[in-house]
Amino acid sequence: MFMQKSYCVLLFISLAFITSCGSSKHASSSKKLQGTWQSTPIVVDGNSNDWPSPYPAYDAKAMIGYAMSNDKSYLYLTVETGDEKTQMKILRGGLIVWIDTTDGKNQDISIAFPLQSTGEPMNYEKQQGQQQDIQLQGQNRSTARIKRALDEATQLTLQGFKGCQGGYSVIQKNDCGIMVKIGIDEYNELIWEAAIPFKALYGKDSIDKADIGKPVSICYAIKGLKKPAGANSNNGNHSGGADIGSHGMGGGGMGEGGGMHRGGSMSRGGSNSQSDNLFESTKTWRQFGLAYQ
């Protein structure tokens, strides 16, 4: 009888522990995330003047700073980098920004801009010939290459939004009202910006108090450039050959703390000077919450 009573007590304690763990897990997953309220609308112009300096989050592997904010009608996203190799990867290899509103890491909604270049970026100078060498004499060749690539970044694709799908010109008004822009600011930082109407995400014109803390996961996926024929690497784990045509990429680690300061503290060929960085693909996930005032 004593053994039977002891067994019942142990069973009761075990069930209580399991129930407690389940409740704790549920409470954690339902915790509202802190958001950043945008008191004045972001001007999508490829400049960082509207954003905090430094950017509040930084991925040391991908060499990018990034941020998110919102007002009642729009979700605002930005990414910046002052590293020349990362700038060229974004402009030639392409950038895909995934947006998940289901508290996960789904890749159903995306903005692809700039699109991957069909040229051979690593052989760029060899393809120019003597005439352009004369024109570039006395100029910074890297800056000239980045400027040319920036001028050619004119197309984007939208996937998964309510009301628009497919390819668009960056200056073309799309049915979703999504605005994107990329540029180089006065500090030679590459700035990517987007303003996304909540109607394109949630099917309603504006959010309300019930949406405070609603999770939004953002991923910045950068594809490494294709290696020239005969190039060798000391690292067999690089994923520069990965195909993002189906929106899949690998790699990437995330750090926080605003490591990207304007003026170039982590910029333009700084600590990440190895050319192999050009061939690496990165994927930076970060979860934010919606704000409301």
Protein backbone atom coordinates (compact mmCIF):
# COMPACT_ATOMS: atom_id res chain seq x y z
CA MET A 1 0.00 0.00 0.00
CA PHE A 2 2.88 2.37 0.90
CA MET A 3 4.57 1.66 -2.43
CA GLN A 4 1.35 2.31 -4.30
CA LYS A 5 0.86 5.67 -2.52
CA SER A 6 4.48 6.65 -3.26
CA TYR A 7 4.02 5.81 -6.93
CA CYS A 8 0.88 7.99 -7.10
CA VAL A 9 2.72 10.90 -5.47
CA LEU A 10 5.61 10.62 -7.93
CA LEU A 11 3.21 10.42 -10.88
CA PHE A 12 1.40 13.54 -9.66
CA ILE A 13 4.70 15.46 -9.30
CA SER A 14 5.82 14.38 -12.78
CA LEU A 15 2.55 15.48 -14.36
CA ALA A 16 2.73 18.80 -12.54
CA PHE A 17 6.29 19.36 -13.81
CA ILE A 18 5.34 18.56 -17.42
CA THR A 19 2.34 20.90 -17.22
CA SER A 20 4.55 23.62 -15.73
CA CYS A 21 7.12 23.29 -18.56
CA GLY A 22 4.39 23.42 -21.17
CA SER A 23 2.93 26.58 -19.65
CA SER A 24 6.34 28.20 -19.48
CA LYS A 25 7.04 27.42 -23.11
CA HIS A 26 3.69 28.82 -24.17
CA ALA A 27 4.27 31.97 -22.15
CA SER A 28 7.66 32.46 -23.76
CA SER A 29 6.38 32.03 -27.31
CA SER A 30 3.54 34.48 -26.70
CA LYS A 31 5.82 37.18 -25.27
CA LYS A 32 5.41 40.41 -27.21
CA LEU A 33 8.53 41.62 -28.98
CA GLN A 34 9.71 45.19 -28.70
CA GLY A 35 9.29 47.28 -31.82
CA THR A 36 10.48 50.69 -33.01
CA TRP A 37 7.81 53.27 -33.76
CA GLN A 38 8.49 55.53 -36.75
CA SER A 39 7.13 58.95 -35.80
CA THR A 40 7.80 60.42 -39.25
CA PRO A 41 7.66 58.37 -42.47
CA ILE A 42 10.95 57.09 -43.88
CA VAL A 43 11.90 58.67 -47.20
CA VAL A 44 13.01 55.76 -49.39
CA ASP A 45 15.90 57.41 -51.20
CA GLY A 46 18.95 55.20 -50.63
CA ASN A 47 20.22 57.44 -47.84
CA SER A 48 20.60 56.67 -44.14
CA ASN A 49 19.61 60.10 -42.81
CA ASP A 50 16.26 58.80 -41.52
CA TRP A 51 17.85 55.91 -39.59
CA PRO A 52 19.73 55.76 -36.26
CA SER A 53 23.50 55.97 -36.28
CA PRO A 54 24.92 53.43 -35.76
CA TYR A 55 22.38 50.92 -36.99
CA PRO A 56 21.07 48.97 -33.96
CA ALA A 57 21.98 45.47 -35.23
CA TYR A 58 25.09 44.13 -36.97
CA ASP A 59 26.15 40.82 -38.54
CA ALA A 60 29.95 40.58 -38.40
CA LYS A 61 30.11 37.66 -40.86
CA ALA A 62 27.90 39.29 -43.47
CA MET A 63 29.44 42.74 -42.80
CA ILE A 64 26.02 44.44 -42.70
CA GLY A 65 24.13 46.66 -40.30
CA TYR A 66 20.33 46.56 -40.37
CA ALA A 67 17.20 47.98 -38.77
CA MET A 68 13.41 47.86 -38.85
CA SER A 69 10.68 50.28 -37.80
CA ASN A 70 7.01 50.88 -38.53
CA ASP A 71 4.19 53.37 -38.37
CA LYS A 72 0.47 52.64 -38.72
CA SER A 73 0.63 51.98 -42.45
CA TYR A 74 4.16 50.87 -43.36
CA LEU A 75 6.91 48.46 -42.36
CA TYR A 76 10.32 50.05 -42.97
CA LEU A 77 13.49 48.01 -43.55
CA THR A 78 17.10 48.97 -44.17
CA VAL A 79 20.52 47.37 -44.51
CA GLU A 80 23.89 49.10 -44.90
CA THR A 81 27.52 48.18 -45.49
CA GLY A 82 30.69 50.17 -46.00
CA ASP A 83 32.75 47.13 -46.98
CA GLU A 84 33.59 47.30 -50.69
CA LYS A 85 33.55 43.54 -51.22
CA THR A 86 30.15 43.22 -49.56
CA GLN A 87 28.87 46.13 -51.63
CA MET A 88 29.97 44.38 -54.80
CA LYS A 89 28.43 41.09 -53.65
CA ILE A 90 25.08 42.80 -53.09
CA LEU A 91 25.20 44.71 -56.38
CA ARG A 92 26.46 41.81 -58.53
CA GLY A 93 25.42 38.68 -56.62
CA GLY A 94 22.02 39.97 -55.52
CA LEU A 95 20.14 40.56 -52.27
CA ILE A 96 16.93 38.82 -51.19
CA VAL A 97 15.02 40.13 -48.17
CA TRP A 98 12.63 37.55 -46.71
CA ILE A 99 9.72 38.65 -44.50
CA ASP A 100 7.93 36.15 -42.27
CA THR A 101 4.84 37.22 -40.30
CA THR A 102 4.07 33.79 -38.81
CA ASP A 103 6.59 33.78 -35.93
CA GLY A 104 8.99 31.55 -37.87
CA LYS A 105 11.52 31.57 -40.71
CA ASN A 106 9.33 30.90 -43.70
CA GLN A 107 10.56 31.98 -47.12
CA ASP A 108 7.24 32.73 -48.78
CA ILE A 109 7.38 36.55 -48.92
CA SER A 110 10.39 38.29 -50.43
CA ILE A 111 11.86 41.31 -52.17
CA ALA A 112 14.76 40.45 -54.49
CA PHE A 113 16.70 43.64 -55.21
CA PRO A 114 19.21 44.08 -56.69
CA LEU A 115 18.88 41.02 -58.90
CA GLN A 116 21.86 38.81 -59.62
CA SER A 117 23.98 40.16 -62.46
CA THR A 118 24.41 37.94 -65.51
CA GLY A 119 27.91 39.32 -66.11
CA GLU A 120 31.27 38.16 -64.78
CA PRO A 121 32.02 40.63 -61.95
CA MET A 122 35.42 39.18 -61.08
CA ASN A 123 36.66 39.65 -64.66
CA TYR A 124 35.20 43.12 -64.86
CA GLU A 125 38.42 45.06 -65.46
CA LYS A 126 39.74 42.57 -68.01
CA GLN A 127 36.58 43.02 -70.06
CA GLN A 128 36.83 46.81 -70.26
CA GLY A 129 39.78 47.21 -72.64
CA GLN A 130 42.29 49.98 -73.02
CA GLN A 131 39.79 52.75 -73.70
CA GLN A 132 38.09 52.45 -70.34
CA ASP A 133 41.46 52.05 -68.60
CA ILE A 134 42.31 55.52 -69.93
CA GLN A 135 38.98 56.89 -68.72
CA LEU A 136 39.51 55.40 -65.26
CA GLN A 137 43.08 56.72 -64.98
CA GLY A 138 43.45 58.69 -61.76
CA GLN A 139 40.16 57.36 -60.34
CA ASN A 140 39.54 54.78 -57.69
CA ARG A 141 38.78 51.68 -59.74
CA SER A 142 36.79 49.99 -56.99
CA THR A 143 34.57 53.05 -56.59
CA ALA A 144 34.06 53.17 -60.35
CA ARG A 145 33.05 49.49 -60.47
CA ILE A 146 30.59 49.95 -57.60
CA LYS A 147 29.07 53.03 -59.23
CA ARG A 148 28.59 51.18 -62.52
CA ALA A 149 26.99 48.22 -60.72
CA LEU A 150 24.74 50.63 -58.80
CA ASP A 151 23.58 52.25 -62.04
CA GLU A 152 22.70 48.81 -63.41
CA ALA A 153 20.58 47.83 -60.35
CA THR A 154 17.23 48.73 -61.89
CA GLN A 155 15.10 45.56 -61.57
CA LEU A 156 13.42 43.77 -58.67
CA THR A 157 11.06 40.86 -58.08
CA LEU A 158 8.28 40.55 -55.50
CA GLN A 159 7.01 37.24 -54.15
CA GLY A 160 4.19 36.33 -51.77
CA PHE A 161 2.70 39.80 -51.22
CA LYS A 162 -1.03 40.40 -51.36
CA GLY A 163 -1.77 42.02 -54.70
CA CYS A 164 1.50 41.84 -56.62
CA GLN A 165 3.91 39.21 -57.89
CA GLY A 166 6.73 39.10 -60.41
CA GLY A 167 9.26 41.50 -61.86
CA TYR A 168 9.24 45.29 -61.81
CA SER A 169 11.48 48.22 -62.61
CA VAL A 170 12.70 49.95 -59.44
CA ILE A 171 11.15 53.23 -60.65
CA GLN A 172 7.87 51.55 -61.62
CA LYS A 173 4.87 51.78 -59.30
CA ASN A 174 3.72 48.29 -58.37
CA ASP A 175 0.22 47.30 -57.32
CA CYS A 176 1.35 46.68 -53.72
CA GLY A 177 2.76 50.16 -53.20
CA ILE A 178 6.13 48.70 -52.15
CA MET A 179 9.02 51.15 -52.51
CA VAL A 180 12.69 50.12 -52.63
CA LYS A 181 15.87 52.06 -53.26
CA ILE A 182 19.61 51.49 -53.07
CA GLY A 183 22.35 54.09 -53.03
CA ILE A 184 25.75 55.20 -51.76
CA ASP A 185 25.64 57.90 -49.09
CA GLU A 186 28.13 60.65 -48.28
CA TYR A 187 30.17 58.24 -46.15
CA ASN A 188 30.49 55.71 -49.01
CA GLU A 189 28.09 53.36 -47.24
CA LEU A 190 25.78 51.32 -49.43
CA ILE A 191 22.22 51.88 -48.16
CA TRP A 192 19.26 49.61 -49.04
CA GLU A 193 15.78 50.76 -47.99
CA ALA A 194 12.22 49.54 -48.37
CA ALA A 195 8.78 50.74 -47.33
CA ILE A 196 6.14 47.98 -47.37
CA PRO A 197 2.44 48.79 -46.86
CA PHE A 198 0.80 46.59 -44.23
CA LYS A 199 -1.96 46.00 -46.75
CA ALA A 200 0.54 43.95 -48.77
CA LEU A 201 1.38 41.86 -45.67
CA TYR A 202 -1.84 41.62 -43.66
CA GLY A 203 -4.51 42.71 -46.10
CA LYS A 204 -5.46 45.79 -44.04
CA ASP A 205 -4.53 49.43 -44.52
CA SER A 206 -3.17 50.00 -41.02
CA ILE A 207 -2.32 48.20 -37.80
CA ASP A 208 -3.90 48.89 -34.39
CA LYS A 209 -3.17 48.34 -30.69
CA ALA A 210 -3.92 44.63 -30.98
CA ASP A 211 -0.86 44.29 -33.23
CA ILE A 212 1.66 45.58 -30.67
CA GLY A 213 4.56 43.12 -30.40
CA LYS A 214 3.36 40.99 -33.32
CA PRO A 215 6.49 39.13 -34.52
CA VAL A 216 8.07 39.89 -37.87
CA SER A 217 11.14 37.89 -38.93
CA ILE A 218 13.46 39.46 -41.49
CA CYS A 219 16.25 37.72 -43.40
CA TYR A 220 18.91 39.47 -45.48
CA ALA A 221 20.30 36.87 -47.89
CA ILE A 222 23.40 37.84 -49.90
CA LYS A 223 24.82 35.58 -52.58
CA GLY A 224 28.57 35.21 -53.00
CA LEU A 225 29.99 35.94 -56.43
CA LYS A 226 30.85 33.14 -58.82
CA LYS A 227 34.51 32.20 -58.75
CA PRO A 228 36.51 32.72 -61.93
CA ALA A 229 37.77 29.58 -63.63
CA GLY A 230 40.97 28.33 -62.01
CA ALA A 231 40.52 30.22 -58.75
CA ASN A 232 41.47 28.26 -55.65
CA SER A 233 40.18 28.57 -52.11
CA ASN A 234 41.57 27.48 -48.77
CA ASN A 235 38.10 26.98 -47.42
CA GLY A 236 35.91 24.27 -48.89
CA ASN A 237 32.85 25.50 -47.01
CA HIS A 238 32.21 28.58 -49.09
CA SER A 239 28.77 28.60 -50.68
CA GLY A 240 29.34 31.09 -53.48
CA GLY A 241 28.15 28.55 -56.02
CA ALA A 242 24.76 28.15 -54.38
CA ASP A 243 21.78 28.90 -56.57
CA ILE A 244 19.36 31.46 -55.16
CA GLY A 245 17.04 31.27 -58.12
CA SER A 246 14.82 29.19 -55.84
CA HIS A 247 15.48 31.64 -52.96
CA GLY A 248 17.73 29.31 -50.96
CA MET A 249 20.99 30.42 -49.37
CA GLY A 250 23.25 29.24 -46.59
CA GLY A 251 25.66 30.53 -44.00
CA GLY A 252 25.69 33.68 -41.93
CA GLY A 253 25.94 34.56 -38.27
CA MET A 254 24.36 37.45 -36.43
CA GLY A 255 25.72 39.87 -33.90
CA GLU A 256 24.09 42.86 -32.24
CA GLY A 257 25.20 46.17 -30.83
CA GLY A 258 25.37 48.55 -33.77
CA GLY A 259 28.82 47.66 -35.08
CA MET A 260 28.33 49.65 -38.28
CA HIS A 261 29.17 53.31 -37.75
CA ARG A 262 28.80 55.86 -40.51
CA GLY A 263 32.08 57.18 -41.73
CA GLY A 264 33.55 53.71 -42.14
CA SER A 265 34.54 52.13 -38.82
CA MET A 266 33.83 48.73 -40.37
CA SER A 267 33.98 49.88 -43.94
CA ARG A 268 35.71 49.71 -47.28
CA GLY A 269 38.18 46.89 -47.03
CA GLY A 270 38.57 46.96 -43.24
CA SER A 271 39.07 43.82 -41.16
CA ASN A 272 37.47 41.55 -43.74
CA SER A 273 40.09 42.00 -46.46
CA GLN A 274 40.43 38.43 -47.77
CA SER A 275 39.14 38.12 -51.32
CA ASP A 276 37.43 34.82 -50.45
CA ASN A 277 34.74 36.90 -48.75
CA LEU A 278 33.53 37.75 -52.25
CA PHE A 279 32.57 34.12 -52.85
CA GLU A 280 30.74 33.48 -49.57
CA SER A 281 26.95 33.58 -49.29
CA THR A 282 25.39 34.77 -46.04
CA LYS A 283 21.95 34.64 -44.49
CA THR A 284 21.04 36.95 -41.60
CA TRP A 285 17.77 36.27 -39.70
CA ARG A 286 16.44 38.63 -37.06
CA GLN A 287 13.03 38.79 -35.35
CA PHE A 288 11.45 42.12 -34.49
CA GLY A 289 8.07 43.18 -33.13
CA LEU A 290 5.55 45.72 -34.38
CA ALA A 291 5.21 48.99 -32.48
CA TYR A 292 2.12 51.17 -32.11
CA GLN A 293 1.41 54.64 -30.73
